[in-house]
C-alpha atoms as a PDB file:
ATOM      1  CA  MET A   1       0.000   0.000   0.000  1.00  0.00           C
ATOM      2  CA  VAL A   2       2.786   2.425   0.936  1.00  0.00           C
ATOM      3  CA  THR A   3       4.724   1.497  -2.206  1.00  0.00           C
ATOM      4  CA  ALA A   4       1.689   2.215  -4.389  1.00  0.00           C
ATOM      5  CA  ALA A   5       1.143   5.508  -2.575  1.00  0.00           C
ATOM      6  CA  ALA A   6       4.740   6.575  -3.302  1.00  0.00           C
ATOM      7  CA  VAL A   7       4.468   5.734  -6.993  1.00  0.00           C
ATOM      8  CA  VAL A   8       1.050   7.393  -7.396  1.00  0.00           C
ATOM      9  CA  ALA A   9       2.139  10.503  -5.481  1.00  0.00           C
ATOM     10  CA  GLY A  10       5.250  10.822  -7.633  1.00  0.00           C
ATOM     11  CA  TYR A  11       3.281  10.243 -10.816  1.00  0.00           C
ATOM     12  CA  LEU A  12       0.603  12.815 -10.006  1.00  0.00           C
ATOM     13  CA  LEU A  13       3.228  15.375  -9.030  1.00  0.00           C
ATOM     14  CA  GLY A  14       5.133  14.690 -12.239  1.00  0.00           C
ATOM     15  CA  SER A  15       1.935  15.055 -14.251  1.00  0.00           C
ATOM     16  CA  ILE A  16       1.740  18.765 -13.361  1.00  0.00           C
ATOM     17  CA  ASN A  17       3.184  20.213 -16.568  1.00  0.00           C
ATOM     18  CA  PHE A  18       4.431  23.734 -15.947  1.00  0.00           C
ATOM     19  CA  SER A  19       5.337  24.420 -19.580  1.00  0.00           C
ATOM     20  CA  TYR A  20       1.791  23.679 -20.694  1.00  0.00           C
ATOM     21  CA  LEU A  21       0.259  25.627 -17.799  1.00  0.00           C
ATOM     22  CA  TYR A  22       2.393  28.713 -18.400  1.00  0.00           C
ATOM     23  CA  GLY A  23       1.496  28.740 -22.090  1.00  0.00           C
ATOM     24  CA  LYS A  24      -2.211  28.382 -21.337  1.00  0.00           C
ATOM     25  CA  TRP A  25      -2.417  30.811 -18.427  1.00  0.00           C
ATOM     26  CA  PHE A  26      -0.202  33.619 -19.731  1.00  0.00           C
ATOM     27  CA  LYS A  27      -0.165  33.279 -23.534  1.00  0.00           C
ATOM     28  CA  ASN A  28      -3.369  31.308 -24.200  1.00  0.00           C
ATOM     29  CA  ILE A  29      -1.493  28.756 -26.312  1.00  0.00           C
ATOM     30  CA  ASP A  30      -0.900  25.025 -26.170  1.00  0.00           C
ATOM     31  CA  ILE A  31       2.908  24.786 -26.120  1.00  0.00           C
ATOM     32  CA  ARG A  32       2.612  21.333 -27.671  1.00  0.00           C
ATOM     33  CA  LYS A  33       1.345  22.936 -30.895  1.00  0.00           C
ATOM     34  CA  HIS A  34       4.360  25.220 -31.262  1.00  0.00           C
ATOM     35  CA  GLY A  35       8.070  24.798 -31.828  1.00  0.00           C
ATOM     36  CA  SER A  36       9.151  21.199 -31.361  1.00  0.00           C
ATOM     37  CA  GLY A  37       5.778  20.274 -29.904  1.00  0.00           C
ATOM     38  CA  ASN A  38       7.407  19.270 -26.644  1.00  0.00           C
ATOM     39  CA  ALA A  39       6.014  20.485 -23.314  1.00  0.00           C
ATOM     40  CA  GLY A  40       9.328  21.132 -21.597  1.00  0.00           C
ATOM     41  CA  ALA A  41      11.865  23.805 -20.733  1.00  0.00           C
ATOM     42  CA  THR A  42      13.778  23.777 -24.044  1.00  0.00           C
ATOM     43  CA  ASN A  43      10.670  24.305 -26.150  1.00  0.00           C
ATOM     44  CA  THR A  44       9.472  26.909 -23.663  1.00  0.00           C
ATOM     45  CA  LEU A  45      12.729  28.778 -24.307  1.00  0.00           C
ATOM     46  CA  ARG A  46      12.246  28.462 -28.031  1.00  0.00           C
ATOM     47  CA  VAL A  47       8.609  29.598 -28.029  1.00  0.00           C
ATOM     48  CA  LEU A  48       8.180  31.817 -24.963  1.00  0.00           C
ATOM     49  CA  GLY A  49      11.656  33.071 -24.076  1.00  0.00           C
ATOM     50  CA  LYS A  50      14.280  32.872 -21.338  1.00  0.00           C
ATOM     51  CA  GLY A  51      12.245  33.941 -18.304  1.00  0.00           C
ATOM     52  CA  PRO A  52       9.457  31.382 -18.675  1.00  0.00           C
ATOM     53  CA  ALA A  53      11.999  28.703 -19.617  1.00  0.00           C
ATOM     54  CA  ILE A  54      14.041  29.279 -16.449  1.00  0.00           C
ATOM     55  CA  GLY A  55      10.870  29.111 -14.370  1.00  0.00           C
ATOM     56  CA  VAL A  56       9.701  25.910 -16.046  1.00  0.00           C
ATOM     57  CA  LEU A  57      13.148  24.349 -15.667  1.00  0.00           C
ATOM     58  CA  ALA A  58      13.299  25.167 -11.956  1.00  0.00           C
ATOM     59  CA  LEU A  59       9.792  23.866 -11.292  1.00  0.00           C
ATOM     60  CA  ASP A  60      10.381  20.653 -13.256  1.00  0.00           C
ATOM     61  CA  VAL A  61      13.620  20.003 -11.356  1.00  0.00           C
ATOM     62  CA  GLY A  62      11.790  20.844  -8.139  1.00  0.00           C
ATOM     63  CA  LYS A  63       9.057  18.290  -8.672  1.00  0.00           C
ATOM     64  CA  GLY A  64      11.683  15.589  -9.175  1.00  0.00           C
ATOM     65  CA  ILE A  65      13.306  16.566  -5.876  1.00  0.00           C
ATOM     66  CA  ALA A  66       9.934  16.710  -4.133  1.00  0.00           C
ATOM     67  CA  ALA A  67       8.928  13.262  -5.406  1.00  0.00           C
ATOM     68  CA  VAL A  68      12.045  11.638  -3.963  1.00  0.00           C
ATOM     69  CA  TRP A  69      11.457  13.338  -0.619  1.00  0.00           C
ATOM     70  CA  ILE A  70       7.851  12.165  -0.600  1.00  0.00           C
ATOM     71  CA  GLY A  71       9.187   8.632  -1.005  1.00  0.00           C
ATOM     72  CA  ARG A  72      11.607   9.187   1.862  1.00  0.00           C
ATOM     73  CA  TRP A  73       8.832  10.542   4.036  1.00  0.00           C
ATOM     74  CA  LEU A  74       6.602   7.556   3.301  1.00  0.00           C
ATOM     75  CA  GLY A  75       9.334   4.971   3.844  1.00  0.00           C
ATOM     76  CA  ALA A  76      11.420   3.934   6.799  1.00  0.00           C
ATOM     77  CA  GLU A  77      14.671   5.720   7.588  1.00  0.00           C
ATOM     78  CA  GLY A  78      17.353   4.564   5.175  1.00  0.00           C
ATOM     79  CA  GLU A  79      14.767   3.064   2.814  1.00  0.00           C
ATOM     80  CA  GLU A  80      16.011   3.215  -0.805  1.00  0.00           C
ATOM     81  CA  LEU A  81      13.182   1.688  -2.807  1.00  0.00           C
ATOM     82  CA  LEU A  82      10.335   4.121  -2.088  1.00  0.00           C
ATOM     83  CA  PRO A  83      12.295   7.282  -2.966  1.00  0.00           C
ATOM     84  CA  ILE A  84      13.463   5.619  -6.185  1.00  0.00           C
ATOM     85  CA  LEU A  85       9.955   4.522  -7.162  1.00  0.00           C
ATOM     86  CA  ALA A  86       8.461   7.916  -6.344  1.00  0.00           C
ATOM     87  CA  GLY A  87      11.156   9.572  -8.449  1.00  0.00           C
ATOM     88  CA  LEU A  88      10.544   7.232 -11.372  1.00  0.00           C
ATOM     89  CA  GLY A  89       6.830   7.943 -10.978  1.00  0.00           C
ATOM     90  CA  ALA A  90       7.501  11.675 -11.328  1.00  0.00           C
ATOM     91  CA  ILE A  91       9.509  11.175 -14.519  1.00  0.00           C
ATOM     92  CA  ILE A  92       6.779   8.956 -15.991  1.00  0.00           C
ATOM     93  CA  GLY A  93       4.193  11.549 -14.996  1.00  0.00           C
ATOM     94  CA  HIS A  94       6.115  14.328 -16.698  1.00  0.00           C
ATOM     95  CA  ASN A  95       6.520  12.279 -19.876  1.00  0.00           C
ATOM     96  CA  TRP A  96       2.985  10.891 -19.934  1.00  0.00           C
ATOM     97  CA  PRO A  97       0.828  13.192 -17.734  1.00  0.00           C
ATOM     98  CA  VAL A  98      -2.647  12.002 -16.823  1.00  0.00           C
ATOM     99  CA  PHE A  99      -3.865  15.610 -16.632  1.00  0.00           C
ATOM    100  CA  PHE A 100      -2.859  16.467 -20.222  1.00  0.00           C
ATOM    101  CA  SER A 101      -3.916  13.496 -22.353  1.00  0.00           C
ATOM    102  CA  PHE A 102      -0.615  11.711 -21.645  1.00  0.00           C
ATOM    103  CA  ARG A 103       1.286  14.180 -23.840  1.00  0.00           C
ATOM    104  CA  GLY A 104       4.061  15.735 -21.823  1.00  0.00           C
ATOM    105  CA  GLY A 105       7.744  16.541 -22.033  1.00  0.00           C
ATOM    106  CA  LYS A 106      10.888  14.450 -22.265  1.00  0.00           C
ATOM    107  CA  GLY A 107      11.589  14.315 -18.570  1.00  0.00           C
ATOM    108  CA  ILE A 108      15.170  15.553 -18.411  1.00  0.00           C
ATOM    109  CA  ALA A 109      14.666  18.414 -15.944  1.00  0.00           C
ATOM    110  CA  THR A 110      12.613  16.158 -13.673  1.00  0.00           C
ATOM    111  CA  THR A 111      15.273  13.467 -14.074  1.00  0.00           C
ATOM    112  CA  ILE A 112      17.905  15.961 -12.909  1.00  0.00           C
ATOM    113  CA  GLY A 113      15.886  16.633  -9.765  1.00  0.00           C
ATOM    114  CA  VAL A 114      15.392  12.940  -9.090  1.00  0.00           C
ATOM    115  CA  VAL A 115      18.960  11.725  -9.622  1.00  0.00           C
ATOM    116  CA  ALA A 116      20.577  14.738  -7.943  1.00  0.00           C
ATOM    117  CA  THR A 117      18.540  13.918  -4.829  1.00  0.00           C
ATOM    118  CA  LEU A 118      19.233  10.175  -4.965  1.00  0.00           C
ATOM    119  CA  CYS A 119      22.945  10.351  -5.856  1.00  0.00           C
ATOM    120  CA  PHE A 120      24.289  13.884  -6.098  1.00  0.00           C
ATOM    121  CA  LEU A 121      27.929  13.326  -7.011  1.00  0.00           C
ATOM    122  CA  PRO A 122      27.392  10.818  -9.867  1.00  0.00           C
ATOM    123  CA  ALA A 123      24.672  13.108 -11.238  1.00  0.00           C
ATOM    124  CA  LEU A 124      27.001  16.110 -10.980  1.00  0.00           C
ATOM    125  CA  ILE A 125      29.771  14.382 -12.914  1.00  0.00           C
ATOM    126  CA  ALA A 126      27.428  13.244 -15.688  1.00  0.00           C
ATOM    127  CA  GLY A 127      25.808  16.694 -15.679  1.00  0.00           C
ATOM    128  CA  ILE A 128      29.081  18.572 -16.116  1.00  0.00           C
ATOM    129  CA  ILE A 129      30.000  16.462 -19.144  1.00  0.00           C
ATOM    130  CA  ALA A 130      26.493  16.921 -20.581  1.00  0.00           C
ATOM    131  CA  ILE A 131      26.631  20.700 -20.087  1.00  0.00           C
ATOM    132  CA  LEU A 132      30.026  20.873 -21.798  1.00  0.00           C
ATOM    133  CA  SER A 133      28.605  18.973 -24.765  1.00  0.00           C
ATOM    134  CA  ILE A 134      25.728  21.469 -24.996  1.00  0.00           C
ATOM    135  CA  VAL A 135      28.139  24.421 -24.808  1.00  0.00           C
ATOM    136  CA  ILE A 136      30.274  22.941 -27.587  1.00  0.00           C
ATOM    137  CA  THR A 137      27.532  21.649 -29.907  1.00  0.00           C
ATOM    138  CA  ARG A 138      24.500  23.746 -28.813  1.00  0.00           C
ATOM    139  CA  TYR A 139      22.370  20.598 -29.036  1.00  0.00           C
ATOM    140  CA  VAL A 140      20.307  20.263 -25.857  1.00  0.00           C
ATOM    141  CA  SER A 141      18.986  16.890 -26.958  1.00  0.00           C
ATOM    142  CA  LEU A 142      22.516  15.520 -27.346  1.00  0.00           C
ATOM    143  CA  GLY A 143      23.458  16.791 -23.906  1.00  0.00           C
ATOM    144  CA  SER A 144      20.343  15.197 -22.438  1.00  0.00           C
ATOM    145  CA  LEU A 145      21.183  11.853 -24.023  1.00  0.00           C
ATOM    146  CA  ILE A 146      24.791  12.044 -22.870  1.00  0.00           C
ATOM    147  CA  PHE A 147      23.646  12.866 -19.331  1.00  0.00           C
ATOM    148  CA  THR A 148      21.294   9.910 -19.050  1.00  0.00           C
ATOM    149  CA  ALA A 149      23.689   7.529 -20.831  1.00  0.00           C
ATOM    150  CA  LEU A 150      26.559   8.422 -18.492  1.00  0.00           C
ATOM    151  CA  LEU A 151      24.513   8.173 -15.301  1.00  0.00           C
ATOM    152  CA  PRO A 152      24.635   4.355 -14.983  1.00  0.00           C
ATOM    153  CA  PHE A 153      28.399   4.332 -15.548  1.00  0.00           C
ATOM    154  CA  SER A 154      28.959   7.156 -13.073  1.00  0.00           C
ATOM    155  CA  ILE A 155      26.777   5.442 -10.469  1.00  0.00           C
ATOM    156  CA  TRP A 156      28.512   2.090 -11.025  1.00  0.00           C
ATOM    157  CA  LEU A 157      32.031   3.573 -10.831  1.00  0.00           C
ATOM    158  CA  MET A 158      31.157   5.355  -7.586  1.00  0.00           C
ATOM    159  CA  ASP A 159      29.736   2.134  -6.125  1.00  0.00           C
ATOM    160  CA  ARG A 160      26.255   3.420  -5.405  1.00  0.00           C
ATOM    161  CA  PRO A 161      23.485   0.919  -4.465  1.00  0.00           C
ATOM    162  CA  ASP A 162      22.338  -1.506  -7.153  1.00  0.00           C
ATOM    163  CA  SER A 163      18.766  -0.228  -6.851  1.00  0.00           C
ATOM    164  CA  ILE A 164      19.882   3.247  -7.915  1.00  0.00           C
ATOM    165  CA  LEU A 165      21.958   1.762 -10.748  1.00  0.00           C
ATOM    166  CA  VAL A 166      18.932  -0.147 -12.067  1.00  0.00           C
ATOM    167  CA  ALA A 167      16.799   2.999 -11.778  1.00  0.00           C
ATOM    168  CA  SER A 168      19.381   4.972 -13.770  1.00  0.00           C
ATOM    169  CA  ILE A 169      19.256   2.397 -16.570  1.00  0.00           C
ATOM    170  CA  ILE A 170      15.456   2.669 -16.655  1.00  0.00           C
ATOM    171  CA  ILE A 171      15.767   6.467 -16.737  1.00  0.00           C
ATOM    172  CA  ALA A 172      18.199   6.231 -19.668  1.00  0.00           C
ATOM    173  CA  VAL A 173      15.728   4.027 -21.557  1.00  0.00           C
ATOM    174  CA  PHE A 174      12.967   6.590 -20.927  1.00  0.00           C
ATOM    175  CA  ALA A 175      15.199   9.378 -22.228  1.00  0.00           C
ATOM    176  CA  PHE A 176      16.214   7.567 -25.396  1.00  0.00           C
ATOM    177  CA  VAL A 177      12.607   6.568 -26.131  1.00  0.00           C
ATOM    178  CA  ARG A 178      11.409  10.163 -25.673  1.00  0.00           C
ATOM    179  CA  HIS A 179      14.287  11.518 -27.795  1.00  0.00           C
ATOM    180  CA  ARG A 180      13.955   9.059 -30.662  1.00  0.00           C
ATOM    181  CA  THR A 181      12.943  11.768 -33.177  1.00  0.00           C
ATOM    182  CA  ASN A 182      15.811  13.956 -31.960  1.00  0.00           C
ATOM    183  CA  ILE A 183      18.230  11.070 -32.484  1.00  0.00           C
ATOM    184  CA  VAL A 184      17.084  10.802 -36.107  1.00  0.00           C
ATOM    185  CA  LYS A 185      17.454  14.565 -36.595  1.00  0.00           C
ATOM    186  CA  LEU A 186      20.910  14.550 -35.019  1.00  0.00           C
ATOM    187  CA  ALA A 187      21.971  11.772 -37.380  1.00  0.00           C
ATOM    188  CA  GLN A 188      20.609  13.758 -40.334  1.00  0.00           C
ATOM    189  CA  GLY A 189      22.115  17.066 -39.176  1.00  0.00           C
ATOM    190  CA  LYS A 190      18.643  18.612 -38.901  1.00  0.00           C
ATOM    191  CA  GLU A 191      18.345  19.030 -35.134  1.00  0.00           C
ATOM    192  CA  ASN A 192      17.616  22.558 -33.876  1.00  0.00           C
ATOM    193  CA  LYS A 193      20.415  24.184 -31.907  1.00  0.00           C
ATOM    194  CA  LEU A 194      20.028  26.026 -28.617  1.00  0.00           C
ATOM    195  CA  GLY A 195      18.965  29.618 -29.100  1.00  0.00           C
ATOM    196  CA  LYS A 196      17.022  29.061 -32.306  1.00  0.00           C
ATOM    197  CA  ARG A 197      13.560  30.581 -32.032  1.00  0.00           C
ATOM    198  CA  ALA A 198      10.422  28.760 -33.160  1.00  0.00           C
END
């Protein structure tokens, strides 16, 4: 019962899509019908500008952090499984939100919140490399893929618990599934670079 509560709480929290809500409340648009069609921070930057994008990014990271802490609150002290499941629930909710016809974002900002709370140092190392790749190439999608692909290796090298390692592999699968069109565009040299307006 407690396990289900952690997953459901994380999922419902993740399903709150701040990119969509900002577009609807302040611009009267559905962000999913503009730019890349993705309801996340990068497309918010492309369509609505820096300020809204920073806000969306912070809130999406925040809900990943909050989900993990909900799992910790529901579980016993030192419990690993509930925080992990609640965090995964938040990422699934962001990607496939029940409140918005299961059409959400790609989950990277929420993933950052989740993994930084579960295993800060491995996430930091993978994040620094991902950020450098974005600075060099200006492809956010590539940086996102690098971040999630490196996470399992970083977690394994730093000898973090197996449960977190397995969760990081699941997270990487989510990311690659959600970025499959970006992967095709990257291969074709057609992917949009950071800073390009819709």
